[in-house]
Amino acid sequence: MTLADRVSALTPSSTLAITAKAKEMKAKGIDVIGLGAGEPDFNTPEHILKAATESMHAGQTKYTPSGGLPALKEAIIRKFKQDQGLDYTSSEIIVTSGAKHALYTLFQVLLNEGDEVIIPIPYWVSYPEQVKLAGGVPVFIEGKEEQHFKITPEQLKEAITERTKAVIINSPSNPTGMLYSEEELRAIGEVCIEKGVLIVSDEIYEKLIYGGAKHVSIAQLSSELKDQTIIINGVSKSHSMTGWRIGYAAGNQQIIKAMTDLASHSTSNPTTTAQFASIAAYEGTQVPVEEMRQAFEERLNIIYDQLVAIPGFSCVKPQGAFYLFPNVKKAAECTGYANVDDFAKALLEEAKVAVIPGSGFGAPDNIRLSYATSLQLLEKAIQRIHSFVEQKMAK
């Protein structure tokens, strides 16, 4: 049977593939340390679990509106007002089955065949694939390491054509953990307003910020930028709810309505129980969120110095998320590997440490390591990598 062209061109998720391989090795009794998964290693906070259970026992197990429970939309609206000073109405919010689904639905309603979406490199693996699935064309701009992996207004302006529909800004970033400053966002925003380009602002890691840095949403910088921005967010990373699959989009009412109409024919509605849990996530105590953030920051500060001490490794220290994205090209060369992908494969098979090759993020000289695991395992993993590199270099 011949499959549709739209799926035959897809590139499988490298993050899920590596994680699956590591789990397969573990199932065989092999002592693998997985640094691939992009999810917090904490359980969902207790008050959220309780709210979910109570909602089920109260009979809240039926369909909801396709765009999400009104009460959850209101909780999201209050969250935007409190955190960014942004005012949205219910008709400007759609709740989706995860932030990934929000992005997918957005591109489906936004793009016609051949429309271009500008995607900074390094990028989250699903951005280009989702654009392609909607008939769009990914246009890549390299955020160079010396620029802390961030694009400049000049690069953006040069990349915009008459077919450009949108640009994606992911801050804090997956995979780099880099954070755009207010000044940088203003400069990018000016270009987007001048050229009439929609801004897709992926802010899923907004609560995981370190070193006294501050998250700024480009939508909060001016009314013009708010009107030209679709914010993508969710509870997955902030409240350790990756499996609950609740995300949302906020922005232009016409776009949100189109997304809601499409959702009505695809998912019907986000999972009801998970929506009630998400109301509790935003309306209840935020202490677990801060405790998790502090734990990630402590791990980062301890393991960063250990990582950059590995021969052939260099790494810009991230300001957010829970990833390190070191350049390991020299380490791969010095240990006899043709490229970083082969080096990462050897780390899994020989050092028993699972990392994600940067090629999946458009950065073939790098690897991504998640520090969303215990400090003990992190230090053990980095020691294994260090020993592996030194042993290979000694041969």
Protein backbone atom coordinates (compact mmCIF):
# COMPACT_ATOMS: atom_id res chain seq x y z
CA MET A 1 0.00 0.00 0.00
CA THR A 2 1.31 3.46 -0.91
CA LEU A 3 1.31 5.99 1.93
CA ALA A 4 0.43 9.66 1.55
CA ASP A 5 3.24 11.92 0.41
CA ARG A 6 2.80 14.10 3.48
CA VAL A 7 3.99 11.35 5.81
CA SER A 8 6.59 9.73 3.61
CA ALA A 9 8.78 12.82 3.89
CA LEU A 10 8.64 12.96 7.69
CA THR A 11 11.79 12.53 9.77
CA PRO A 12 11.18 10.41 12.89
CA SER A 13 11.71 12.15 16.24
CA SER A 14 15.34 11.59 17.26
CA THR A 15 14.51 12.23 20.90
CA LEU A 16 11.86 9.50 21.02
CA ALA A 17 14.04 7.10 19.03
CA ILE A 18 17.01 7.40 21.39
CA THR A 19 14.79 7.18 24.46
CA ALA A 20 13.16 4.02 23.09
CA LYS A 21 16.56 2.45 22.36
CA ALA A 22 17.77 3.24 25.89
CA LYS A 23 14.62 1.72 27.40
CA GLU A 24 15.08 -1.38 25.27
CA MET A 25 18.64 -1.80 26.57
CA LYS A 26 17.46 -1.28 30.16
CA ALA A 27 14.80 -3.94 29.68
CA LYS A 28 17.60 -6.35 28.82
CA GLY A 29 19.28 -5.56 32.13
CA ILE A 30 21.90 -3.19 30.72
CA ASP A 31 22.84 -0.33 33.07
CA VAL A 32 22.00 2.60 30.79
CA ILE A 33 21.68 6.16 32.05
CA GLY A 34 19.18 8.03 29.89
CA LEU A 35 19.76 11.74 29.38
CA GLY A 36 17.44 11.96 26.40
CA ALA A 37 13.92 12.48 27.68
CA GLY A 38 12.44 15.96 27.64
CA GLU A 39 10.31 15.73 30.74
CA PRO A 40 10.73 16.53 34.45
CA ASP A 41 11.63 13.61 36.69
CA PHE A 42 9.22 14.79 39.41
CA ASN A 43 5.71 13.42 39.83
CA THR A 44 2.74 15.71 39.21
CA PRO A 45 2.08 17.68 42.46
CA GLU A 46 -0.32 16.09 44.90
CA HIS A 47 -3.03 18.78 44.81
CA ILE A 48 -3.29 18.33 41.04
CA LEU A 49 -3.65 14.56 41.36
CA LYS A 50 -6.35 15.12 43.98
CA ALA A 51 -8.30 17.51 41.76
CA ALA A 52 -8.23 15.00 38.90
CA THR A 53 -9.52 12.20 41.13
CA GLU A 54 -12.27 14.39 42.60
CA SER A 55 -13.42 15.45 39.14
CA MET A 56 -13.80 11.84 38.05
CA HIS A 57 -15.77 10.88 41.15
CA ALA A 58 -17.98 13.92 40.60
CA GLY A 59 -18.92 12.57 37.19
CA GLN A 60 -16.81 14.98 35.14
CA THR A 61 -15.94 12.33 32.57
CA LYS A 62 -17.90 13.50 29.53
CA TYR A 63 -17.23 15.66 26.49
CA THR A 64 -16.23 19.28 26.97
CA PRO A 65 -16.31 22.13 24.43
CA SER A 66 -13.76 21.51 21.67
CA GLY A 67 -11.76 24.58 22.67
CA GLY A 68 -11.57 23.58 26.32
CA LEU A 69 -13.48 23.97 29.57
CA PRO A 70 -14.57 27.58 30.21
CA ALA A 71 -13.16 27.32 33.75
CA LEU A 72 -9.75 26.28 32.41
CA LYS A 73 -9.77 29.10 29.88
CA GLU A 74 -10.50 31.52 32.70
CA ALA A 75 -7.62 30.08 34.74
CA ILE A 76 -5.31 30.57 31.73
CA ILE A 77 -6.57 34.14 31.27
CA ARG A 78 -5.80 34.92 34.92
CA LYS A 79 -2.37 33.31 34.55
CA PHE A 80 -1.53 35.57 31.57
CA LYS A 81 -2.68 38.66 33.47
CA GLN A 82 -0.69 37.78 36.57
CA ASP A 83 2.52 36.66 34.86
CA GLN A 84 2.79 38.94 31.83
CA GLY A 85 0.14 41.62 32.33
CA LEU A 86 -1.59 40.36 29.18
CA ASP A 87 -5.34 40.58 28.68
CA TYR A 88 -7.09 37.85 26.71
CA THR A 89 -10.72 36.88 26.31
CA SER A 90 -12.09 33.35 26.21
CA SER A 91 -12.49 33.58 22.43
CA GLU A 92 -8.74 34.20 22.14
CA ILE A 93 -7.81 30.95 23.94
CA ILE A 94 -7.90 27.33 22.78
CA VAL A 95 -7.01 24.42 25.04
CA THR A 96 -5.39 21.55 23.16
CA SER A 97 -4.11 18.02 23.70
CA GLY A 98 -0.63 19.25 24.57
CA ALA A 99 1.37 22.22 23.29
CA LYS A 100 2.54 20.08 20.36
CA HIS A 101 -1.07 19.72 19.27
CA ALA A 102 -1.54 23.50 19.58
CA LEU A 103 1.38 24.04 17.20
CA TYR A 104 0.18 21.35 14.79
CA THR A 105 -3.32 22.81 14.66
CA LEU A 106 -1.98 26.35 14.25
CA PHE A 107 0.08 25.44 11.20
CA GLN A 108 -2.81 23.50 9.70
CA VAL A 109 -5.11 26.53 9.79
CA LEU A 110 -2.40 29.08 8.95
CA LEU A 111 -0.45 27.66 6.02
CA ASN A 112 -1.26 27.16 2.37
CA GLU A 113 0.93 25.15 0.02
CA GLY A 114 4.32 26.82 -0.32
CA ASP A 115 3.92 29.29 2.57
CA GLU A 116 7.17 29.76 4.46
CA VAL A 117 7.83 29.59 8.19
CA ILE A 118 11.16 30.83 9.51
CA ILE A 119 12.68 28.46 12.05
CA PRO A 120 15.84 29.36 13.99
CA ILE A 121 18.55 26.70 14.28
CA PRO A 122 18.90 24.87 16.66
CA TYR A 123 15.20 24.01 16.67
CA TRP A 124 12.87 21.65 18.46
CA VAL A 125 12.61 18.57 16.26
CA SER A 126 8.88 18.84 15.51
CA TYR A 127 8.80 22.42 14.17
CA PRO A 128 9.93 21.69 10.59
CA GLU A 129 7.95 18.45 10.38
CA GLN A 130 4.72 20.15 11.42
CA VAL A 131 5.27 22.95 8.92
CA LYS A 132 5.82 20.38 6.16
CA LEU A 133 2.70 18.44 7.18
CA ALA A 134 0.68 21.63 6.64
CA GLY A 135 2.14 22.09 3.15
CA GLY A 136 4.49 24.81 4.30
CA VAL A 137 8.20 25.27 3.69
CA PRO A 138 10.60 25.51 6.65
CA VAL A 139 13.18 28.29 6.18
CA PHE A 140 16.12 27.95 8.54
CA ILE A 141 18.24 30.69 10.12
CA GLU A 142 21.28 29.64 12.11
CA GLY A 143 21.55 30.97 15.63
CA LYS A 144 25.32 30.71 15.90
CA GLU A 145 26.99 29.50 19.08
CA GLU A 146 28.82 32.83 19.46
CA GLN A 147 25.36 34.48 19.44
CA HIS A 148 24.26 32.06 22.18
CA PHE A 149 22.23 30.23 19.52
CA LYS A 150 19.91 33.23 19.00
CA ILE A 151 19.04 34.85 15.68
CA THR A 152 19.48 38.56 14.97
CA PRO A 153 16.99 41.03 13.47
CA GLU A 154 19.29 41.35 10.46
CA GLN A 155 19.20 37.60 9.83
CA LEU A 156 15.42 37.59 10.16
CA LYS A 157 14.93 40.49 7.76
CA GLU A 158 17.16 38.86 5.17
CA ALA A 159 15.21 35.58 5.35
CA ILE A 160 11.75 37.10 4.90
CA THR A 161 10.19 36.77 1.45
CA GLU A 162 6.74 37.43 0.02
CA ARG A 163 5.83 33.84 0.98
CA THR A 164 6.82 34.22 4.65
CA LYS A 165 3.83 33.62 6.92
CA ALA A 166 5.40 33.25 10.37
CA VAL A 167 8.54 33.00 12.47
CA ILE A 168 8.95 30.72 15.49
CA ILE A 169 10.56 32.07 18.65
CA ASN A 170 11.21 29.48 21.37
CA SER A 171 12.38 31.11 24.60
CA PRO A 172 13.64 29.44 26.75
CA SER A 173 14.79 27.15 23.99
CA ASN A 174 14.72 23.43 23.49
CA PRO A 175 17.46 22.24 22.91
CA THR A 176 19.80 25.07 23.97
CA GLY A 177 18.13 26.51 27.07
CA MET A 178 18.88 30.00 25.73
CA LEU A 179 16.65 32.94 26.62
CA TYR A 180 15.90 36.00 24.49
CA SER A 181 16.19 39.29 26.37
CA GLU A 182 13.56 42.03 26.20
CA GLU A 183 15.86 44.10 24.01
CA GLU A 184 16.42 41.22 21.60
CA LEU A 185 12.70 40.48 21.39
CA ARG A 186 11.87 44.13 20.71
CA ALA A 187 14.30 44.21 17.80
CA ILE A 188 12.89 40.99 16.32
CA GLY A 189 9.36 42.26 16.89
CA GLU A 190 10.05 45.46 14.97
CA VAL A 191 11.04 43.42 11.91
CA CYS A 192 7.91 41.26 12.19
CA ILE A 193 5.64 44.30 12.43
CA GLU A 194 7.37 46.00 9.52
CA LYS A 195 7.08 42.89 7.32
CA GLY A 196 3.68 41.69 8.55
CA VAL A 197 4.99 38.33 9.79
CA LEU A 198 3.11 36.38 12.46
CA ILE A 199 5.15 35.49 15.57
CA VAL A 200 4.68 32.00 17.02
CA SER A 201 6.03 32.32 20.55
CA ASP A 202 6.64 28.92 22.15
CA GLU A 203 6.91 29.61 25.89
CA ILE A 204 6.49 26.09 27.28
CA TYR A 205 9.64 26.39 29.46
CA GLU A 206 8.84 29.85 30.84
CA LYS A 207 8.78 28.73 34.49
CA LEU A 208 12.21 27.09 34.32
CA ILE A 209 14.60 30.07 34.40
CA TYR A 210 17.95 30.26 36.20
CA GLY A 211 20.65 32.63 37.33
CA GLY A 212 18.28 35.47 38.13
CA ALA A 213 17.21 35.78 34.48
CA LYS A 214 13.67 36.81 33.61
CA HIS A 215 11.27 35.39 31.07
CA VAL A 216 9.72 37.98 28.77
CA SER A 217 6.93 37.22 26.31
CA ILE A 218 7.24 39.15 23.07
CA ALA A 219 3.47 39.69 23.23
CA GLN A 220 3.77 41.80 26.37
CA LEU A 221 6.08 44.39 24.78
CA SER A 222 3.39 46.31 22.88
CA SER A 223 -0.23 46.06 21.77
CA GLU A 224 0.96 45.73 18.16
CA LEU A 225 3.17 42.76 19.05
CA LYS A 226 0.39 41.15 21.08
CA ASP A 227 -1.92 41.36 18.06
CA GLN A 228 0.74 39.77 15.87
CA THR A 229 1.69 36.93 18.24
CA ILE A 230 0.26 33.50 18.95
CA ILE A 231 1.56 32.25 22.30
CA ILE A 232 1.96 28.50 22.73
CA ASN A 233 2.18 27.14 26.27
CA GLY A 234 0.97 24.36 28.56
CA VAL A 235 1.35 22.66 31.92
CA SER A 236 3.66 19.84 30.77
CA LYS A 237 7.01 21.27 31.81
CA SER A 238 5.99 23.79 34.47
CA HIS A 239 3.88 21.38 36.53
CA SER A 240 5.47 18.05 35.51
CA MET A 241 2.36 17.01 33.59
CA THR A 242 3.81 15.77 30.30
CA GLY A 243 1.53 12.74 30.14
CA TRP A 244 -1.64 14.70 30.91
CA ARG A 245 -1.42 16.34 27.45
CA ILE A 246 -2.78 19.82 28.09
CA GLY A 247 -1.46 22.78 26.14
CA TYR A 248 -3.01 25.94 24.78
CA ALA A 249 -2.68 28.77 22.31
CA ALA A 250 -3.57 32.44 22.83
CA GLY A 251 -3.93 35.17 20.26
CA ASN A 252 -5.90 36.44 17.28
CA GLN A 253 -9.56 35.50 17.64
CA GLN A 254 -9.96 34.51 13.98
CA ILE A 255 -7.00 32.13 14.15
CA ILE A 256 -8.14 30.66 17.46
CA LYS A 257 -11.65 30.07 16.08
CA ALA A 258 -10.22 28.26 13.06
CA MET A 259 -8.06 26.11 15.36
CA THR A 260 -11.10 25.31 17.49
CA ASP A 261 -13.15 24.33 14.42
CA LEU A 262 -10.36 22.03 13.28
CA ALA A 263 -10.03 20.50 16.74
CA SER A 264 -13.74 19.72 16.74
CA HIS A 265 -13.14 17.39 13.79
CA SER A 266 -9.91 15.84 15.08
CA THR A 267 -9.74 15.43 18.86
CA SER A 268 -13.31 16.50 19.82
CA ASN A 269 -11.88 17.93 23.03
CA PRO A 270 -8.83 17.68 25.30
CA THR A 271 -9.13 14.97 27.95
CA THR A 272 -11.68 16.11 30.51
CA THR A 273 -9.91 14.82 33.63
CA ALA A 274 -6.64 16.41 32.52
CA GLN A 275 -8.41 19.75 32.07
CA PHE A 276 -9.69 19.68 35.65
CA ALA A 277 -6.18 18.79 36.79
CA SER A 278 -4.83 21.77 34.85
CA ILE A 279 -7.28 24.14 36.53
CA ALA A 280 -5.81 23.00 39.86
CA ALA A 281 -2.31 23.44 38.45
CA TYR A 282 -2.93 27.14 37.78
CA GLU A 283 -5.35 27.92 40.59
CA GLY A 284 -3.56 26.00 43.37
CA THR A 285 -0.23 26.45 45.11
CA GLN A 286 2.80 27.17 42.93
CA VAL A 287 5.28 26.02 45.58
CA PRO A 288 6.01 22.68 43.79
CA VAL A 289 6.79 24.61 40.60
CA GLU A 290 9.42 26.70 42.38
CA GLU A 291 10.83 23.68 44.21
CA MET A 292 11.31 21.90 40.89
CA ARG A 293 12.90 24.98 39.34
CA GLN A 294 15.36 25.25 42.23
CA ALA A 295 16.26 21.57 41.92
CA PHE A 296 17.01 21.97 38.20
CA GLU A 297 19.10 25.07 38.84
CA GLU A 298 21.13 23.27 41.52
CA ARG A 299 21.81 20.37 39.15
CA LEU A 300 22.80 22.74 36.35
CA ASN A 301 25.27 24.63 38.51
CA ILE A 302 26.90 21.41 39.72
CA ILE A 303 27.15 19.45 36.48
CA TYR A 304 27.97 22.31 34.09
CA ASP A 305 31.58 22.59 35.30
CA GLN A 306 31.96 18.81 35.16
CA LEU A 307 30.66 18.74 31.59
CA VAL A 308 32.95 21.43 30.18
CA ALA A 309 35.93 19.68 31.81
CA ILE A 310 35.52 16.78 29.37
CA PRO A 311 38.20 17.04 26.63
CA GLY A 312 36.75 18.35 23.38
CA PHE A 313 33.53 19.62 24.98
CA SER A 314 32.47 23.28 24.97
CA CYS A 315 29.10 24.53 26.14
CA VAL A 316 27.29 27.85 26.50
CA LYS A 317 25.66 27.81 29.93
CA PRO A 318 21.87 27.79 29.52
CA GLN A 319 19.49 30.18 31.27
CA GLY A 320 16.39 28.00 31.15
CA ALA A 321 14.68 24.67 30.37
CA PHE A 322 16.60 21.54 31.53
CA TYR A 323 19.05 20.83 28.72
CA LEU A 324 22.75 21.23 28.07
CA PHE A 325 23.74 21.51 24.43
CA PRO A 326 27.52 21.11 24.22
CA ASN A 327 29.56 21.28 21.03
CA VAL A 328 31.39 17.95 20.90
CA LYS A 329 32.83 18.06 17.40
CA LYS A 330 36.42 18.08 18.72
CA ALA A 331 35.68 15.21 21.08
CA ALA A 332 34.25 13.15 18.23
CA GLU A 333 37.28 13.86 16.03
CA CYS A 334 39.80 13.15 18.78
CA THR A 335 38.15 9.84 19.61
CA GLY A 336 38.15 8.65 16.01
CA TYR A 337 34.53 9.10 14.99
CA ALA A 338 33.52 10.45 11.60
CA ASN A 339 30.77 12.61 13.02
CA VAL A 340 28.88 13.46 16.19
CA ASP A 341 26.05 11.05 15.37
CA ASP A 342 28.52 8.14 15.47
CA PHE A 343 30.02 9.54 18.66
CA ALA A 344 26.58 9.67 20.32
CA LYS A 345 25.85 6.11 19.17
CA ALA A 346 29.09 4.94 20.76
CA LEU A 347 28.24 6.73 24.00
CA LEU A 348 25.06 4.68 24.20
CA GLU A 349 26.56 1.34 23.16
CA GLU A 350 29.90 1.57 24.99
CA ALA A 351 29.60 4.16 27.77
CA LYS A 352 25.95 3.24 28.36
CA VAL A 353 24.81 6.88 28.34
CA ALA A 354 21.93 7.96 26.11
CA VAL A 355 22.18 11.48 24.65
CA ILE A 356 20.44 13.05 21.66
CA PRO A 357 22.55 13.87 18.58
CA GLY A 358 22.31 17.54 17.65
CA SER A 359 21.65 16.68 14.00
CA GLY A 360 17.99 16.18 14.92
CA PHE A 361 17.92 19.82 16.00
CA GLY A 362 19.76 21.13 12.95
CA ALA A 363 23.08 21.36 14.82
CA PRO A 364 25.24 18.35 13.85
CA ASP A 365 28.24 19.40 15.99
CA ASN A 366 26.28 19.21 19.25
CA ILE A 367 24.52 16.75 21.52
CA ARG A 368 21.64 17.39 23.89
CA LEU A 369 21.74 16.17 27.47
CA SER A 370 18.72 16.47 29.73
CA TYR A 371 19.41 17.13 33.40
CA ALA A 372 15.87 16.14 34.32
CA THR A 373 17.16 13.20 36.32
CA SER A 374 18.74 12.77 39.73
CA LEU A 375 22.01 14.53 40.50
CA GLN A 376 23.58 11.21 41.40
CA LEU A 377 22.80 9.75 37.98
CA LEU A 378 23.85 12.94 36.21
CA GLU A 379 27.27 12.94 37.83
CA LYS A 380 27.65 9.23 37.12
CA ALA A 381 26.72 9.77 33.45
CA ILE A 382 29.15 12.64 32.98
CA GLN A 383 31.92 10.62 34.59
CA ARG A 384 31.20 7.77 32.17
CA ILE A 385 31.39 10.16 29.22
CA HIS A 386 34.61 11.71 30.55
CA SER A 387 36.24 8.31 31.01
CA PHE A 388 35.04 7.15 27.58
CA VAL A 389 36.59 10.17 25.86
CA GLU A 390 39.89 9.94 27.73
CA GLN A 391 40.21 6.21 27.04
CA LYS A 392 39.52 6.65 23.34
CA MET A 393 41.98 9.56 23.09
CA ALA A 394 44.69 7.49 24.80
CA LYS A 395 44.55 4.79 22.13
